[in-house]
Protein backbone atom coordinates (compact mmCIF):
# COMPACT_ATOMS: atom_id res chain seq x y z
CA MET A 1 0.00 0.00 0.00
CA ALA A 2 2.83 2.37 0.88
CA GLY A 3 4.44 1.64 -2.51
CA GLN A 4 1.22 2.50 -4.30
CA ILE A 5 0.93 5.82 -2.47
CA SER A 6 4.54 6.71 -3.34
CA SER A 7 3.89 5.87 -6.99
CA ILE A 8 0.81 8.11 -7.08
CA ARG A 9 2.80 10.95 -5.50
CA ARG A 10 5.46 10.64 -8.21
CA GLN A 11 2.73 10.74 -10.87
CA LEU A 12 1.28 13.91 -9.36
CA ARG A 13 4.68 15.62 -9.24
CA SER A 14 5.40 14.66 -12.84
CA ILE A 15 2.04 15.89 -14.17
CA ARG A 16 2.23 19.15 -12.20
CA SER A 17 5.70 19.80 -13.64
CA THR A 18 4.38 19.16 -17.15
CA GLN A 19 1.42 21.44 -16.48
CA LYS A 20 3.78 24.27 -15.54
CA ILE A 21 5.56 23.83 -18.88
CA THR A 22 2.36 23.75 -20.94
CA ASN A 23 0.98 26.74 -19.04
CA ALA A 24 4.14 28.73 -19.78
CA MET A 25 3.99 27.72 -23.45
CA ALA A 26 0.32 28.76 -23.58
CA LEU A 27 1.25 32.21 -22.26
CA VAL A 28 4.09 32.53 -24.77
CA SER A 29 1.82 31.40 -27.62
CA THR A 30 -0.85 33.92 -26.58
CA ALA A 31 1.69 36.75 -26.65
CA LYS A 32 3.05 35.63 -30.04
CA LEU A 33 -0.49 35.27 -31.40
CA GLN A 34 -1.42 38.82 -30.41
CA LYS A 35 1.77 40.20 -31.94
CA GLN A 36 1.41 38.19 -35.18
CA LYS A 37 -2.27 39.07 -35.45
CA GLY A 38 -1.39 42.75 -35.19
CA VAL A 39 1.21 42.41 -37.97
CA MET A 40 -1.29 40.52 -40.14
CA ASN A 41 -4.06 43.10 -39.64
CA ASP A 42 -1.72 46.02 -40.33
CA ASN A 43 -0.49 44.35 -43.51
CA ASN A 44 -4.03 43.49 -44.66
CA GLN A 45 -5.07 47.14 -44.54
CA TYR A 46 -2.21 47.95 -46.89
CA SER A 47 -2.13 44.83 -49.10
CA GLN A 48 -5.86 44.83 -49.94
CA ALA A 49 -5.68 48.38 -51.23
CA TYR A 50 -2.37 47.68 -52.97
CA GLN A 51 -3.65 44.53 -54.69
CA GLU A 52 -6.86 46.27 -55.80
CA MET A 53 -4.83 49.13 -57.26
CA ILE A 54 -2.59 46.71 -59.22
CA LEU A 55 -5.54 44.65 -60.47
CA THR A 56 -7.30 47.85 -61.58
CA ALA A 57 -4.27 48.78 -63.65
CA LEU A 58 -3.85 45.27 -65.04
CA SER A 59 -7.54 44.99 -65.97
CA ALA A 60 -7.65 48.24 -67.96
CA ARG A 61 -9.62 48.03 -71.18
CA GLY A 62 -7.70 46.31 -73.95
CA THR A 63 -5.24 44.45 -71.71
CA ARG A 64 -7.04 41.11 -71.31
CA ASP A 65 -6.52 39.76 -74.82
CA GLU A 66 -6.03 36.09 -75.66
CA SER A 67 -2.27 36.49 -76.04
CA ASN A 68 -1.84 37.72 -72.46
CA ILE A 69 -0.64 34.67 -70.50
CA TYR A 70 -1.20 36.42 -67.18
CA PHE A 71 -4.97 36.31 -67.72
CA ASN A 72 -5.35 33.22 -69.90
CA ASP A 73 -4.22 29.60 -70.11
CA ASN A 74 -0.59 29.56 -71.23
CA GLY A 75 -0.96 26.16 -72.90
CA ALA A 76 0.98 24.12 -70.35
CA ASP A 77 -0.47 21.30 -68.27
CA ASN A 78 1.61 21.29 -65.09
CA PRO A 79 0.17 23.21 -62.12
CA LEU A 80 2.55 24.52 -59.45
CA HIS A 81 1.58 24.64 -55.77
CA ILE A 82 3.11 26.65 -52.93
CA VAL A 83 2.48 24.76 -49.67
CA ILE A 84 2.97 26.56 -46.33
CA THR A 85 3.48 24.58 -43.10
CA SER A 86 5.38 25.33 -39.89
CA ASN A 87 9.01 24.86 -38.91
CA SER A 88 8.08 23.51 -35.47
CA GLY A 89 5.48 21.29 -33.85
CA LEU A 90 3.32 21.42 -30.70
CA CYS A 91 0.57 23.16 -32.68
CA GLY A 92 -2.08 20.43 -32.58
CA SER A 93 -3.44 19.31 -35.93
CA TYR A 94 -2.40 22.50 -37.74
CA ASN A 95 0.11 20.83 -40.06
CA MET A 96 -1.67 17.52 -40.56
CA ASP A 97 -4.96 19.20 -41.47
CA LEU A 98 -3.18 21.11 -44.23
CA LEU A 99 -1.26 18.04 -45.43
CA LYS A 100 -4.46 15.98 -45.55
CA TYR A 101 -5.85 18.76 -47.74
CA VAL A 102 -2.74 18.47 -49.95
CA GLN A 103 -3.17 14.68 -50.10
CA LYS A 104 -6.78 15.11 -51.22
CA TYR A 105 -6.35 17.80 -53.88
CA ILE A 106 -2.75 17.68 -55.16
CA SER A 107 -1.29 14.94 -57.35
CA LYS A 108 2.13 13.54 -56.49
CA ASN A 109 3.51 14.40 -59.95
CA GLU A 110 2.64 18.11 -59.69
CA PRO A 111 5.57 20.39 -58.71
CA ILE A 112 5.55 21.97 -55.25
CA PHE A 113 7.37 24.86 -53.62
CA ALA A 114 7.38 23.72 -49.96
CA ILE A 115 7.68 26.23 -47.11
CA GLY A 116 8.31 24.86 -43.60
CA THR A 117 10.36 21.88 -42.37
CA TYR A 118 7.31 19.93 -41.21
CA GLY A 119 5.70 19.97 -44.64
CA ILE A 120 9.00 19.37 -46.46
CA LYS A 121 9.66 16.22 -44.43
CA TRP A 122 6.12 14.86 -44.96
CA LEU A 123 6.07 15.63 -48.68
CA ASP A 124 9.46 13.97 -49.20
CA GLU A 125 8.42 10.89 -47.22
CA ASN A 126 5.25 10.58 -49.32
CA ASP A 127 7.05 10.96 -52.68
CA TYR A 128 5.63 14.33 -53.71
CA LEU A 129 7.49 16.34 -56.36
CA VAL A 130 9.10 19.07 -54.23
CA ILE A 131 11.28 21.25 -56.48
CA ARG A 132 12.00 24.10 -54.02
CA ARG A 133 12.42 23.98 -50.24
CA TYR A 134 12.26 26.99 -47.91
CA THR A 135 12.97 26.75 -44.18
CA GLU A 136 14.12 30.33 -43.49
CA LEU A 137 10.78 32.11 -43.75
CA ASP A 138 9.73 32.26 -40.09
CA ASN A 139 10.30 36.03 -40.17
CA ALA A 140 8.90 36.45 -43.71
CA ASN A 141 12.30 37.24 -45.23
CA THR A 142 11.44 39.48 -48.17
CA SER A 143 14.60 38.72 -50.15
CA ILE A 144 13.80 34.97 -50.10
CA ILE A 145 10.18 35.67 -51.09
CA ASN A 146 11.40 37.86 -53.98
CA ARG A 147 13.67 35.08 -55.27
CA MET A 148 10.82 32.59 -55.02
CA ILE A 149 8.48 34.92 -56.97
CA ASN A 150 11.12 35.43 -59.66
CA ASP A 151 11.45 31.64 -60.05
CA ILE A 152 7.66 31.29 -60.33
CA ILE A 153 7.35 34.06 -62.94
CA THR A 154 10.19 32.55 -64.99
CA LEU A 155 8.65 29.06 -64.94
CA TYR A 156 5.27 30.49 -65.91
CA GLN A 157 6.59 32.68 -68.72
CA GLU A 158 8.55 29.74 -70.15
CA ARG A 159 5.33 27.66 -69.99
CA GLU A 160 6.88 25.00 -67.75
CA ILE A 161 3.91 25.38 -65.40
CA SER A 162 0.26 26.00 -66.29
CA HIS A 163 -1.01 27.83 -63.24
CA VAL A 164 0.12 28.67 -59.72
CA ASP A 165 -1.77 28.47 -56.45
CA ILE A 166 -0.84 28.82 -52.81
CA VAL A 167 -2.06 26.28 -50.23
CA TYR A 168 -2.12 27.71 -46.72
CA THR A 169 -4.15 27.80 -43.49
CA GLN A 170 -6.70 30.61 -43.59
CA TYR A 171 -7.18 32.46 -40.31
CA VAL A 172 -10.83 33.01 -39.38
CA ASN A 173 -10.56 33.67 -35.65
CA THR A 174 -8.54 32.44 -32.66
CA LEU A 175 -10.43 29.14 -32.62
CA THR A 176 -11.10 28.63 -36.34
CA PHE A 177 -8.52 28.20 -39.10
CA GLN A 178 -8.89 26.04 -42.17
CA PRO A 179 -6.81 24.85 -45.14
CA SER A 180 -7.47 26.98 -48.23
CA THR A 181 -6.22 27.58 -51.76
CA PHE A 182 -5.66 30.91 -53.49
CA GLN A 183 -4.92 31.09 -57.23
CA LEU A 184 -1.98 33.32 -58.11
CA LEU A 185 -1.72 32.73 -61.85
CA PRO A 186 -3.49 33.19 -64.20
CA LEU A 187 -4.70 36.39 -62.59
CA HIS A 188 -8.29 36.43 -61.38
CA ILE A 189 -10.01 39.78 -61.64
CA PRO A 190 -13.03 40.12 -59.31
CA GLU A 191 -16.30 40.64 -61.16
CA GLU A 192 -17.06 43.79 -59.19
CA LEU A 193 -13.83 45.38 -60.50
CA GLU A 194 -14.97 46.95 -63.77
CA PRO A 195 -12.37 47.62 -66.50
CA LYS A 196 -11.43 51.30 -66.73
CA GLU A 197 -9.92 53.48 -69.41
CA ILE A 198 -6.31 53.75 -68.28
CA GLU A 199 -3.35 54.94 -70.31
CA LEU A 200 -0.53 52.41 -69.93
CA VAL A 201 2.91 54.02 -69.89
CA PRO A 202 5.42 53.16 -71.28
CA ASP A 203 3.61 50.11 -72.72
CA LYS A 204 1.45 47.16 -71.71
CA GLU A 205 4.21 44.54 -71.63
CA THR A 206 6.55 46.63 -69.50
CA LEU A 207 3.75 47.46 -67.10
CA PHE A 208 2.79 43.80 -66.70
CA ASN A 209 6.37 42.70 -66.13
CA TYR A 210 6.63 45.35 -63.41
CA LEU A 211 3.26 44.95 -61.66
CA VAL A 212 2.58 41.18 -61.78
CA PRO A 213 5.59 40.19 -59.61
CA ARG A 214 4.63 42.86 -57.08
CA TYR A 215 1.04 41.67 -56.98
CA ILE A 216 2.12 38.04 -56.43
CA ASN A 217 4.65 39.15 -53.82
CA SER A 218 1.94 41.03 -51.92
CA VAL A 219 -0.43 38.03 -52.00
CA VAL A 220 2.24 35.52 -50.93
CA TYR A 221 3.38 37.76 -48.08
CA ALA A 222 -0.22 38.29 -46.89
CA THR A 223 -1.07 34.58 -47.00
CA PHE A 224 2.19 33.73 -45.22
CA LEU A 225 1.31 36.13 -42.38
CA GLU A 226 -2.16 34.58 -42.21
CA ALA A 227 -0.67 31.08 -42.04
CA LYS A 228 1.71 32.11 -39.23
CA THR A 229 -1.17 33.67 -37.30
CA SER A 230 -3.12 30.42 -37.69
CA GLU A 231 -0.08 28.47 -36.48
CA HIS A 232 0.21 30.53 -33.28
CA ALA A 233 -3.55 30.25 -32.69
CA ALA A 234 -3.36 26.47 -33.15
CA ARG A 235 -0.40 26.23 -30.76
CA ARG A 236 -2.21 28.26 -28.13
CA SER A 237 -5.31 26.05 -28.47
CA ALA A 238 -3.14 22.93 -28.18
CA MET A 239 -1.46 24.21 -25.02
CA ASP A 240 -4.81 25.23 -23.51
CA ALA A 241 -6.13 21.73 -24.22
CA ALA A 242 -3.00 20.22 -22.64
CA ASN A 243 -3.53 22.38 -19.55
CA ASN A 244 -7.16 21.28 -19.25
CA ASN A 245 -6.21 17.62 -19.68
CA ALA A 246 -3.48 17.95 -17.06
CA ARG A 247 -5.93 19.57 -14.65
CA GLU A 248 -8.46 16.76 -15.12
CA LEU A 249 -5.73 14.13 -14.76
CA ILE A 250 -4.45 15.74 -11.56
CA GLU A 251 -7.96 15.76 -10.10
CA GLN A 252 -8.42 12.07 -10.96
CA ILE A 253 -5.01 11.06 -9.57
CA GLN A 254 -5.58 13.19 -6.47
CA LEU A 255 -8.82 11.28 -5.91
CA ASN A 256 -6.98 7.97 -6.32
CA TYR A 257 -4.32 9.20 -3.90
CA ASN A 258 -6.92 10.14 -1.28
CA GLN A 259 -8.61 6.75 -1.68
CA ALA A 260 -5.31 4.88 -1.36
CA ARG A 261 -4.32 6.95 1.66
CA GLN A 262 -7.69 6.35 3.30
CA ALA A 263 -7.38 2.64 2.59
CA ALA A 264 -3.89 2.61 4.15
CA ILE A 265 -5.14 4.40 7.26
CA THR A 266 -8.09 2.01 7.55
CA GLN A 267 -5.75 -0.97 7.21
CA GLU A 268 -3.43 0.38 9.92
CA VAL A 269 -6.37 0.98 12.26
CA ASN A 270 -7.61 -2.58 11.65
CA GLU A 271 -4.15 -3.97 12.34
CA ILE A 272 -3.88 -2.00 15.59
CA THR A 273 -7.36 -3.13 16.63
CA ALA A 274 -6.56 -6.73 15.79
CA GLY A 275 -3.30 -6.53 17.76
CA ALA A 276 -5.07 -5.07 20.76
CA ASP A 277 -7.71 -7.82 20.65
CA ALA A 278 -4.98 -10.47 20.51
CA LEU A 279 -3.29 -9.04 23.60
């Protein structure tokens, strides 16, 4: 009986130590979430207006002809996907939900630009065609994003890929985030954005070569910030769940400890009583 009580005490100490760690991680994740959410919201106010301005210029009357590969099928048959996952774990089902989405909608012979060590490892293990790997984007390094956009534009212009989309986790609120896809190329002009009479200077081709990379850069950066915000929200939810589970486990083990201790006391009393009766 004494051995059982000692074992339960060790369990309680171990779980309480773990709970302190998960509680600290939950606090850190909450702080990171608030900071990342602020960065995302500030960027959205700018990027939405910036993207609308670029699309307005690109959709000017006379620009969307059949020869313009940025608006029409370029004749290739090889879609490219940018897949964003995290570089670290302890964020619940954040990564696996996105990778299940990839497994459902992306063929293994379609090229992928993979962002995040977790996704890179899973895609390699499952024989997906990963042609670029990025693990240095935790801080949204703009120079790396620019190089990636240049590679995408080159592949698209040379008709090695047919269209480009970005697969990421869309942030809805602190408890809701879901895998989503956004098409980068060919460009999609919203129906509510009516073509306007705009004079293109110096010429249409030069303008497109200048604006399209900047539009794609803005979209990729915005979706990356959204994915990082979702990651921090998922990690905070996971740590909150771990705290709640630890609390429930402690209550259950504490009950078992009290029962074992009561049983030990009862046994000792019985032994004393039996000894007294024998005397």
